[in-house]
Each structure stands twice: as C-alpha cells, then as structure tokens.
C-alpha atoms as a PDB file:
ATOM      1  CA  MET A   1       0.000   0.000   0.000  1.00  0.00           C
ATOM      2  CA  LYS A   2       1.275   3.475  -0.886  1.00  0.00           C
ATOM      3  CA  LEU A   3       0.512   6.349   1.473  1.00  0.00           C
ATOM      4  CA  PRO A   4       1.441   9.816   0.195  1.00  0.00           C
ATOM      5  CA  VAL A   5       2.583  12.046   3.049  1.00  0.00           C
ATOM      6  CA  GLU A   6       4.005  15.554   3.098  1.00  0.00           C
ATOM      7  CA  GLY A   7       7.457  15.338   4.596  1.00  0.00           C
ATOM      8  CA  LEU A   8      10.573  17.400   4.976  1.00  0.00           C
ATOM      9  CA  LEU A   9      13.942  16.716   3.364  1.00  0.00           C
ATOM     10  CA  VAL A  10      17.014  17.961   5.208  1.00  0.00           C
ATOM     11  CA  ARG A  11      20.307  18.143   3.334  1.00  0.00           C
ATOM     12  CA  ILE A  12      23.475  18.785   5.298  1.00  0.00           C
ATOM     13  CA  PHE A  13      26.546  19.734   3.254  1.00  0.00           C
ATOM     14  CA  VAL A  14      29.848  19.228   5.091  1.00  0.00           C
ATOM     15  CA  GLY A  15      33.380  18.019   4.442  1.00  0.00           C
ATOM     16  CA  GLU A  16      34.256  14.344   4.594  1.00  0.00           C
ATOM     17  CA  SER A  17      36.943  14.939   7.215  1.00  0.00           C
ATOM     18  CA  ASP A  18      34.826  17.188   9.485  1.00  0.00           C
ATOM     19  CA  THR A  19      34.569  15.786  12.996  1.00  0.00           C
ATOM     20  CA  TYR A  20      32.445  16.155  16.106  1.00  0.00           C
ATOM     21  CA  ASP A  21      33.223  14.742  19.524  1.00  0.00           C
ATOM     22  CA  GLY A  22      35.984  12.458  18.223  1.00  0.00           C
ATOM     23  CA  ARG A  23      34.092  10.913  15.300  1.00  0.00           C
ATOM     24  CA  LEU A  24      33.360  11.831  11.712  1.00  0.00           C
ATOM     25  CA  LEU A  25      30.614  14.459  11.570  1.00  0.00           C
ATOM     26  CA  TYR A  26      28.498  12.613   9.022  1.00  0.00           C
ATOM     27  CA  GLU A  27      28.642   9.506  11.197  1.00  0.00           C
ATOM     28  CA  ALA A  28      27.615  11.484  14.306  1.00  0.00           C
ATOM     29  CA  ILE A  29      24.642  12.956  12.429  1.00  0.00           C
ATOM     30  CA  VAL A  30      23.434   9.584  11.127  1.00  0.00           C
ATOM     31  CA  LEU A  31      23.777   7.997  14.565  1.00  0.00           C
ATOM     32  CA  LYS A  32      21.822  10.885  16.131  1.00  0.00           C
ATOM     33  CA  ALA A  33      19.072  10.476  13.524  1.00  0.00           C
ATOM     34  CA  ARG A  34      18.900   6.788  14.393  1.00  0.00           C
ATOM     35  CA  GLU A  35      18.845   7.535  18.122  1.00  0.00           C
ATOM     36  CA  LEU A  36      15.881   9.878  17.523  1.00  0.00           C
ATOM     37  CA  ASN A  37      14.082   7.145  15.523  1.00  0.00           C
ATOM     38  CA  LEU A  38      13.902   9.222  12.366  1.00  0.00           C
ATOM     39  CA  ALA A  39      12.722   7.432   9.234  1.00  0.00           C
ATOM     40  CA  GLY A  40      16.210   7.185   7.725  1.00  0.00           C
ATOM     41  CA  ALA A  41      19.392   8.934   6.674  1.00  0.00           C
ATOM     42  CA  THR A  42      21.767   8.542   3.753  1.00  0.00           C
ATOM     43  CA  VAL A  43      25.313   9.840   3.278  1.00  0.00           C
ATOM     44  CA  LEU A  44      26.456  10.708  -0.232  1.00  0.00           C
ATOM     45  CA  ARG A  45      30.085  11.440  -1.114  1.00  0.00           C
ATOM     46  CA  GLY A  46      30.633  14.054  -3.798  1.00  0.00           C
ATOM     47  CA  ILE A  47      33.327  13.829  -6.435  1.00  0.00           C
ATOM     48  CA  MET A  48      33.772  17.599  -6.714  1.00  0.00           C
ATOM     49  CA  GLY A  49      32.564  20.761  -5.032  1.00  0.00           C
ATOM     50  CA  PHE A  50      33.394  23.992  -3.247  1.00  0.00           C
ATOM     51  CA  GLY A  51      32.034  25.821  -0.254  1.00  0.00           C
ATOM     52  CA  ALA A  52      32.043  29.277   1.298  1.00  0.00           C
ATOM     53  CA  ALA A  53      35.838  29.591   0.993  1.00  0.00           C
ATOM     54  CA  SER A  54      35.589  28.791  -2.764  1.00  0.00           C
ATOM     55  CA  ARG A  55      38.334  26.171  -2.463  1.00  0.00           C
ATOM     56  CA  ILE A  56      37.782  23.371  -4.988  1.00  0.00           C
ATOM     57  CA  HIS A  57      37.630  19.850  -3.578  1.00  0.00           C
ATOM     58  CA  SER A  58      38.003  17.216  -6.253  1.00  0.00           C
ATOM     59  CA  ALA A  59      38.929  13.557  -6.500  1.00  0.00           C
ATOM     60  CA  ARG A  60      41.143  14.585  -9.417  1.00  0.00           C
ATOM     61  CA  LEU A  61      43.294  16.848  -7.268  1.00  0.00           C
ATOM     62  CA  LEU A  62      45.307  14.498  -5.067  1.00  0.00           C
ATOM     63  CA  ARG A  63      46.236  17.077  -2.446  1.00  0.00           C
ATOM     64  CA  LEU A  64      42.568  17.900  -1.780  1.00  0.00           C
ATOM     65  CA  SER A  65      41.065  14.459  -2.205  1.00  0.00           C
ATOM     66  CA  GLU A  66      41.051  13.730   1.536  1.00  0.00           C
ATOM     67  CA  ASP A  67      38.258  16.220   2.250  1.00  0.00           C
ATOM     68  CA  MET A  68      35.605  15.512  -0.350  1.00  0.00           C
ATOM     69  CA  PRO A  69      32.155  17.068  -0.080  1.00  0.00           C
ATOM     70  CA  VAL A  70      29.580  14.972   1.778  1.00  0.00           C
ATOM     71  CA  ILE A  71      25.800  15.357   1.813  1.00  0.00           C
ATOM     72  CA  ILE A  72      23.675  13.785   4.523  1.00  0.00           C
ATOM     73  CA  GLU A  73      20.003  13.466   3.572  1.00  0.00           C
ATOM     74  CA  ILE A  74      17.274  12.864   6.131  1.00  0.00           C
ATOM     75  CA  VAL A  75      13.576  12.626   5.256  1.00  0.00           C
ATOM     76  CA  ASP A  76      10.728  12.486   7.749  1.00  0.00           C
ATOM     77  CA  THR A  77       7.744  14.526   8.873  1.00  0.00           C
ATOM     78  CA  LYS A  78       8.316  18.112  10.002  1.00  0.00           C
ATOM     79  CA  ASP A  79       7.649  17.192  13.628  1.00  0.00           C
ATOM     80  CA  GLU A  80      10.301  14.464  13.507  1.00  0.00           C
ATOM     81  CA  ILE A  81      12.841  16.640  11.670  1.00  0.00           C
ATOM     82  CA  ASP A  82      12.353  19.353  14.308  1.00  0.00           C
ATOM     83  CA  LYS A  83      13.832  16.904  16.844  1.00  0.00           C
ATOM     84  CA  ILE A  84      17.256  16.855  15.155  1.00  0.00           C
ATOM     85  CA  MET A  85      17.546  20.546  14.220  1.00  0.00           C
ATOM     86  CA  PRO A  86      19.026  21.697  17.588  1.00  0.00           C
ATOM     87  CA  PHE A  87      21.710  18.995  17.278  1.00  0.00           C
ATOM     88  CA  LEU A  88      22.512  20.086  13.703  1.00  0.00           C
ATOM     89  CA  ASP A  89      22.760  23.714  14.827  1.00  0.00           C
ATOM     90  CA  GLU A  90      25.290  22.612  17.444  1.00  0.00           C
ATOM     91  CA  VAL A  91      27.488  20.307  15.349  1.00  0.00           C
ATOM     92  CA  VAL A  92      27.588  21.912  11.893  1.00  0.00           C
ATOM     93  CA  GLY A  93      30.114  24.705  12.369  1.00  0.00           C
ATOM     94  CA  GLN A  94      31.038  25.117   8.715  1.00  0.00           C
ATOM     95  CA  GLY A  95      28.614  23.785   6.192  1.00  0.00           C
ATOM     96  CA  LEU A  96      25.171  24.306   4.774  1.00  0.00           C
ATOM     97  CA  ILE A  97      21.797  22.939   5.835  1.00  0.00           C
ATOM     98  CA  THR A  98      18.800  23.107   3.515  1.00  0.00           C
ATOM     99  CA  LEU A  99      15.170  22.159   4.098  1.00  0.00           C
ATOM    100  CA  GLU A 100      12.583  21.463   1.455  1.00  0.00           C
ATOM    101  CA  LYS A 101       9.130  19.973   1.309  1.00  0.00           C
ATOM    102  CA  ALA A 102       9.015  16.445  -0.033  1.00  0.00           C
ATOM    103  CA  GLN A 103       6.166  14.171  -0.954  1.00  0.00           C
ATOM    104  CA  VAL A 104       6.936  10.904   0.737  1.00  0.00           C
ATOM    105  CA  ILE A 105       5.407   7.623  -0.369  1.00  0.00           C
ATOM    106  CA  LYS A 106       5.644   5.012   2.330  1.00  0.00           C
ATOM    107  CA  TYR A 107       5.451   1.374   1.428  1.00  0.00           C
ATOM    108  CA  ARG A 108       3.948  -0.920   4.050  1.00  0.00           C
END
C-alpha cells in the first residue's frame, strides 16, 4: 500500500573529514538520527565541489582528495525533523543545511 505524506527533506553539506566529539561528523549525524528514531538517513560522497571559501575539492586533485564534499540526507515529517535541528545547529560549524518539502510515499 502506498501512502502519500508531506514530509521534509534535510540536506546537510559538510566536508568528509569534518569531525564532532571524536568521530566523523556525518557519522555522528546519522547515529543521532537513528537515536531519535527518524525514518532514515543517507550519506552521499561528492566527487567535486566547493564551499564558502571557494576552495575546490576534487577527487582529481590528489592534495585535496582527503576532504571531499559529503551530503547527509534525512527525510521524515516536520515534527520528527524538528527533533534533530538543535543537534545540527550545534554540530555543523562550517557547512550548509537546507530544508525542502518532499512528498513521501511510504510502502507498508
């Protein structure tokens, strides 16, 4: 059965080598999402990008390839996403967080 639901998609853009409390930042965010029983989270590694400092990060440039761009995506209802926002505000020092409405189709 498909159930269309209005949800919220959070995208967190950080560097692959960013850390928080002794672990990789993307790992800390995914584990927090799991702890809060959010619907799910996915980490995507970019092959090229740049951020606020305009420094290019690319797999083709060996000296920069250790800090590739990473995007963490989390989708759930607005009420559930609101649970993780204070944590994201705390842990994402340099990066970008976007929110957008998403139509979610749950399969049961």
